Amino acid sequence: MSATISQPSFAALTRPSMPLGRVLRAYLSEARYQFIQALRAPAFALPFLLLPVPLYLFFGVVMAGGSPEVQANPVLANYVFSGWCCMAVMGPAIFGIGIGIAMERDANLLKLKRALPLPPGSYLVAKMLMSIAFAALAVGTVMVIALVAGKLTLSAGPLLAMVGVLVFGAVPFCAIGLFIGAFSSGNASPAFANLVYLPGMWLSGMFFPLPKVMEPWEVIWPAYHLNRTALAAAGMQVDSNPLITGGVLVGITVLLGGLAIRRLARSG
């Protein structure tokens, strides 16, 4: 008695297991749930959505706006605005992804995610989209305050170009947060996040000129490259090549994001 085994056709092998529309809805649903979860955590949502506004009002409008340098050259207010927007972008990405993934790894929630019928990578993509959404909200509120205060000299086109670069500039910091979350424990992740966030914010030259001896070291901080790229996108004069600063951000995303994904794929 013989039996024949029929080989699957090429169409059967290449047919997607789920329609593209359902896959996209799955990704968007996961991102929406991540965003709602972040909004329901006051310790995360309040600092990163509301804190940039009073900080910019005090330091960017009251103090910097009243300085003789800015009064003599109002264009300098655009540099101050870009720096505080970079600060608003960094926080949700580094802390929201870094600490969140580290704590969920410790609780074995990533293994649970793997067992659920979700598209591959939807969890990480949702985390990234959540951080970009928070960055957009934070930058948008700071921009409204800056326009109401009359501290910007940029026209609509350059301003939108700067804001667009700033919002999507959250992606390299998402990769940094992903790297922290993949390689550190839940207890240690806040310390590592602060080691990246605080020195990167103050030592990148975004808010005030650094001493001459420290200026060469500005380039080691990703915030320096995002700030210079955003300023160049708006047509502002910068002391660096925007192709190089943009390339550094892409390199950070690929290197740290790739290492983190490799780690999570192996050990979860």
Protein backbone atom coordinates (compact mmCIF):
# COMPACT_ATOMS: atom_id res chain seq x y z
CA MET A 1 0.00 0.00 0.00
CA SER A 2 1.54 3.25 -1.04
CA ALA A 3 0.72 6.73 0.01
CA THR A 4 1.55 9.91 -1.75
CA ILE A 5 2.56 12.99 0.11
CA SER A 6 1.48 16.14 -1.63
CA GLN A 7 3.90 19.03 -1.43
CA PRO A 8 2.43 22.42 -0.52
CA SER A 9 2.22 24.83 -3.36
CA PHE A 10 4.32 28.00 -3.53
CA ALA A 11 1.19 30.08 -3.00
CA ALA A 12 0.39 28.19 0.18
CA LEU A 13 3.91 28.70 1.49
CA THR A 14 3.93 32.42 0.76
CA ARG A 15 0.36 33.14 1.82
CA PRO A 16 0.39 35.32 4.97
CA SER A 17 -1.11 33.74 8.06
CA MET A 18 -2.98 36.95 8.84
CA PRO A 19 -4.26 39.71 6.54
CA LEU A 20 -2.14 42.85 6.55
CA GLY A 21 -5.02 44.93 7.88
CA ARG A 22 -5.37 42.71 10.94
CA VAL A 23 -1.62 42.80 11.52
CA LEU A 24 -1.59 46.59 11.46
CA ARG A 25 -4.61 46.75 13.77
CA ALA A 26 -2.80 44.42 16.17
CA TYR A 27 0.23 46.70 16.24
CA LEU A 28 -1.91 49.81 16.73
CA SER A 29 -3.99 48.17 19.45
CA GLU A 30 -0.87 47.15 21.37
CA ALA A 31 0.49 50.70 21.01
CA ARG A 32 -2.79 52.16 22.26
CA TYR A 33 -2.76 49.91 25.31
CA GLN A 34 0.83 50.87 26.07
CA PHE A 35 -0.07 54.56 25.78
CA ILE A 36 -3.09 54.18 28.08
CA GLN A 37 -1.00 52.22 30.57
CA ALA A 38 1.59 55.02 30.62
CA LEU A 39 -1.09 57.69 31.07
CA ARG A 40 -2.52 55.79 34.03
CA ALA A 41 0.87 55.88 35.79
CA PRO A 42 1.07 59.37 37.36
CA ALA A 43 4.72 58.87 38.31
CA PHE A 44 5.51 58.58 34.61
CA ALA A 45 2.93 60.74 32.86
CA LEU A 46 3.02 63.83 35.07
CA PRO A 47 6.79 64.48 35.02
CA PHE A 48 7.23 63.91 31.29
CA LEU A 49 4.07 65.64 30.08
CA LEU A 50 3.70 68.53 32.51
CA LEU A 51 7.18 69.22 33.89
CA PRO A 52 8.76 70.54 30.63
CA VAL A 53 6.31 73.44 30.51
CA PRO A 54 7.10 75.12 33.87
CA LEU A 55 10.80 74.41 33.40
CA TYR A 56 10.78 76.11 30.01
CA LEU A 57 8.69 79.00 31.36
CA PHE A 58 11.12 79.64 34.20
CA PHE A 59 14.46 78.97 32.54
CA GLY A 60 13.64 79.59 28.88
CA VAL A 61 11.21 82.50 29.08
CA VAL A 62 11.82 84.31 32.36
CA MET A 63 15.54 83.81 32.92
CA ALA A 64 16.93 83.38 29.42
CA GLY A 65 14.38 85.73 27.87
CA GLY A 66 15.40 88.49 30.26
CA SER A 67 19.13 88.07 29.74
CA PRO A 68 20.99 90.83 27.89
CA GLU A 69 22.29 88.34 25.31
CA VAL A 70 18.82 87.20 24.22
CA GLN A 71 17.43 90.74 24.29
CA ALA A 72 20.27 91.89 22.06
CA ASN A 73 19.91 88.86 19.76
CA PRO A 74 16.37 87.36 19.89
CA VAL A 75 17.45 84.48 17.62
CA LEU A 76 19.17 82.92 20.63
CA ALA A 77 15.71 82.11 22.04
CA ASN A 78 15.35 79.50 19.29
CA TYR A 79 18.42 77.68 20.62
CA VAL A 80 16.96 77.73 24.14
CA PHE A 81 13.66 76.34 22.82
CA SER A 82 15.39 73.50 20.99
CA GLY A 83 17.38 72.53 24.09
CA TRP A 84 14.33 72.25 26.33
CA CYS A 85 12.45 70.31 23.67
CA CYS A 86 15.34 67.83 23.53
CA MET A 87 15.00 67.41 27.27
CA ALA A 88 11.28 66.74 26.84
CA VAL A 89 12.01 64.08 24.19
CA MET A 90 14.69 62.20 26.11
CA GLY A 91 12.76 61.39 29.26
CA PRO A 92 9.82 59.29 27.98
CA ALA A 93 12.09 57.25 25.72
CA ILE A 94 14.86 56.46 28.20
CA PHE A 95 12.74 55.98 31.31
CA GLY A 96 9.52 54.72 29.74
CA ILE A 97 11.21 51.98 27.76
CA GLY A 98 14.29 51.31 29.88
CA ILE A 99 12.68 50.95 33.28
CA GLY A 100 9.46 49.48 31.88
CA ILE A 101 11.14 46.64 30.01
CA ALA A 102 13.58 45.88 32.85
CA MET A 103 10.75 45.56 35.38
CA GLU A 104 8.62 43.50 33.01
CA ARG A 105 11.58 41.21 32.31
CA ASP A 106 12.00 40.63 36.05
CA ALA A 107 8.30 39.75 36.31
CA ASN A 108 8.58 37.36 33.30
CA LEU A 109 5.93 39.36 31.43
CA LEU A 110 7.97 39.22 28.23
CA LYS A 111 7.68 35.44 28.24
CA LEU A 112 3.93 35.85 28.62
CA LYS A 113 3.91 38.24 25.66
CA ARG A 114 5.65 35.61 23.55
CA ALA A 115 2.93 33.10 24.37
CA LEU A 116 0.15 35.45 23.31
CA PRO A 117 -1.11 35.48 19.68
CA LEU A 118 0.56 38.80 18.85
CA PRO A 119 2.59 39.73 15.75
CA PRO A 120 6.36 39.48 16.29
CA GLY A 121 7.85 42.62 17.70
CA SER A 122 4.51 44.31 18.40
CA TYR A 123 5.42 44.77 22.07
CA LEU A 124 8.66 46.64 21.31
CA VAL A 125 7.08 48.65 18.48
CA ALA A 126 4.25 49.63 20.84
CA LYS A 127 6.74 50.82 23.45
CA MET A 128 8.51 52.95 20.85
CA LEU A 129 5.27 54.45 19.51
CA MET A 130 4.19 55.26 23.06
CA SER A 131 7.44 57.14 23.66
CA ILE A 132 7.14 59.02 20.36
CA ALA A 133 3.56 60.00 21.25
CA PHE A 134 4.66 61.31 24.64
CA ALA A 135 7.52 63.19 22.97
CA ALA A 136 5.08 64.76 20.49
CA LEU A 137 2.75 65.88 23.30
CA ALA A 138 5.59 67.29 25.39
CA VAL A 139 7.22 69.13 22.48
CA GLY A 140 3.82 70.39 21.31
CA THR A 141 3.00 71.93 24.69
CA VAL A 142 6.42 73.60 24.95
CA MET A 143 5.97 74.95 21.41
CA VAL A 144 2.58 76.43 22.27
CA ILE A 145 4.02 78.13 25.34
CA ALA A 146 6.94 79.49 23.30
CA LEU A 147 4.59 80.88 20.64
CA VAL A 148 2.27 82.45 23.21
CA ALA A 149 5.25 84.02 24.97
CA GLY A 150 6.53 85.32 21.63
CA LYS A 151 10.00 83.87 22.12
CA LEU A 152 10.46 82.25 18.71
CA THR A 153 11.68 84.01 15.59
CA LEU A 154 11.15 81.00 13.31
CA SER A 155 8.52 80.95 10.59
CA ALA A 156 6.05 78.08 10.28
CA GLY A 157 8.12 75.93 7.90
CA PRO A 158 11.42 75.91 9.83
CA LEU A 159 9.56 75.52 13.12
CA LEU A 160 7.67 72.45 11.87
CA ALA A 161 10.92 71.00 10.50
CA MET A 162 12.59 71.44 13.89
CA VAL A 163 9.63 69.92 15.76
CA GLY A 164 9.49 66.98 13.35
CA VAL A 165 13.18 66.20 13.88
CA LEU A 166 12.77 66.51 17.64
CA VAL A 167 9.76 64.19 17.80
CA PHE A 168 11.27 61.47 15.62
CA GLY A 169 14.56 62.07 17.39
CA ALA A 170 13.02 60.10 20.23
CA VAL A 171 13.86 56.91 18.32
CA PRO A 172 17.61 56.84 19.22
CA PHE A 173 16.70 57.38 22.86
CA CYS A 174 14.17 54.55 22.56
CA ALA A 175 17.11 52.38 21.48
CA ILE A 176 19.09 53.55 24.52
CA GLY A 177 16.15 52.75 26.78
CA LEU A 178 15.74 49.37 25.10
CA PHE A 179 19.42 48.64 25.71
CA ILE A 180 19.08 49.56 29.39
CA GLY A 181 15.96 47.45 29.78
CA ALA A 182 17.50 44.44 28.05
CA PHE A 183 20.75 44.36 30.02
CA SER A 184 19.82 45.60 33.51
CA SER A 185 17.51 44.49 36.27
CA GLY A 186 14.40 46.34 37.34
CA ASN A 187 16.09 47.65 40.49
CA ALA A 188 19.21 48.87 38.66
CA SER A 189 17.50 50.33 35.59
CA PRO A 190 16.55 53.73 37.17
CA ALA A 191 20.20 54.31 38.09
CA PHE A 192 21.42 53.50 34.58
CA ALA A 193 18.67 55.66 33.05
CA ASN A 194 19.69 58.62 35.20
CA LEU A 195 23.35 58.10 34.33
CA VAL A 196 22.41 58.62 30.69
CA TYR A 197 19.69 61.24 31.12
CA LEU A 198 21.11 63.75 33.59
CA PRO A 199 24.72 64.07 32.34
CA GLY A 200 23.50 63.97 28.75
CA MET A 201 21.13 66.83 29.45
CA TRP A 202 23.54 69.14 31.26
CA LEU A 203 26.88 68.27 29.62
CA SER A 204 25.76 68.41 25.99
CA GLY A 205 25.81 72.21 25.82
CA MET A 206 22.06 72.52 25.17
CA PHE A 207 21.29 75.10 27.86
CA PHE A 208 24.48 77.04 28.52
CA PRO A 209 28.02 77.21 27.12
CA LEU A 210 30.38 74.77 28.78
CA PRO A 211 33.93 75.64 29.84
CA LYS A 212 36.44 75.44 27.02
CA VAL A 213 38.05 72.34 28.49
CA MET A 214 34.71 70.50 28.38
CA GLU A 215 33.51 71.56 24.94
CA PRO A 216 35.28 68.72 23.04
CA TRP A 217 33.37 66.20 25.15
CA GLU A 218 29.93 67.44 24.14
CA VAL A 219 29.92 65.09 21.17
CA ILE A 220 29.79 61.95 23.34
CA TRP A 221 26.18 62.71 24.37
CA PRO A 222 23.30 61.80 22.02
CA ALA A 223 21.40 64.89 23.14
CA TYR A 224 24.12 67.05 21.55
CA HIS A 225 23.55 65.39 18.17
CA LEU A 226 19.76 65.63 18.36
CA ASN A 227 19.88 69.29 19.33
CA ARG A 228 22.30 70.18 16.51
CA THR A 229 20.30 68.19 13.96
CA ALA A 230 17.04 69.89 14.97
CA LEU A 231 18.62 73.35 14.81
CA ALA A 232 20.09 72.62 11.39
CA ALA A 233 16.69 71.40 10.14
CA ALA A 234 15.28 74.82 11.05
CA GLY A 235 18.05 76.61 9.18
CA MET A 236 19.84 77.77 12.32
CA GLN A 237 23.61 78.17 12.37
CA VAL A 238 25.35 75.26 14.09
CA ASP A 239 29.00 74.36 14.61
CA SER A 240 28.65 70.81 13.28
CA ASN A 241 27.69 69.00 10.10
CA PRO A 242 24.03 67.92 10.31
CA LEU A 243 24.77 64.86 8.16
CA ILE A 244 27.27 63.71 10.75
CA THR A 245 25.04 64.41 13.74
CA GLY A 246 22.11 62.71 12.03
CA GLY A 247 24.32 59.76 11.12
CA VAL A 248 25.41 59.41 14.75
CA LEU A 249 21.76 59.19 15.83
CA VAL A 250 21.10 56.51 13.21
CA GLY A 251 24.19 54.62 14.35
CA ILE A 252 23.07 54.73 17.98
CA THR A 253 19.66 53.39 16.97
CA VAL A 254 21.05 50.53 14.92
CA LEU A 255 23.83 49.52 17.32
CA LEU A 256 22.08 49.71 20.68
CA GLY A 257 18.70 48.66 19.32
CA GLY A 258 20.24 45.68 17.55
CA LEU A 259 22.17 44.55 20.64
CA ALA A 260 19.08 44.88 22.81
CA ILE A 261 16.83 42.95 20.41
CA ARG A 262 19.46 40.21 20.15
CA ARG A 263 19.60 39.97 23.93
CA LEU A 264 15.83 39.86 24.32
CA ALA A 265 15.49 37.26 21.57
CA ARG A 266 17.94 34.98 23.38
CA SER A 267 17.01 35.36 27.01
CA GLY A 268 13.89 37.51 27.19
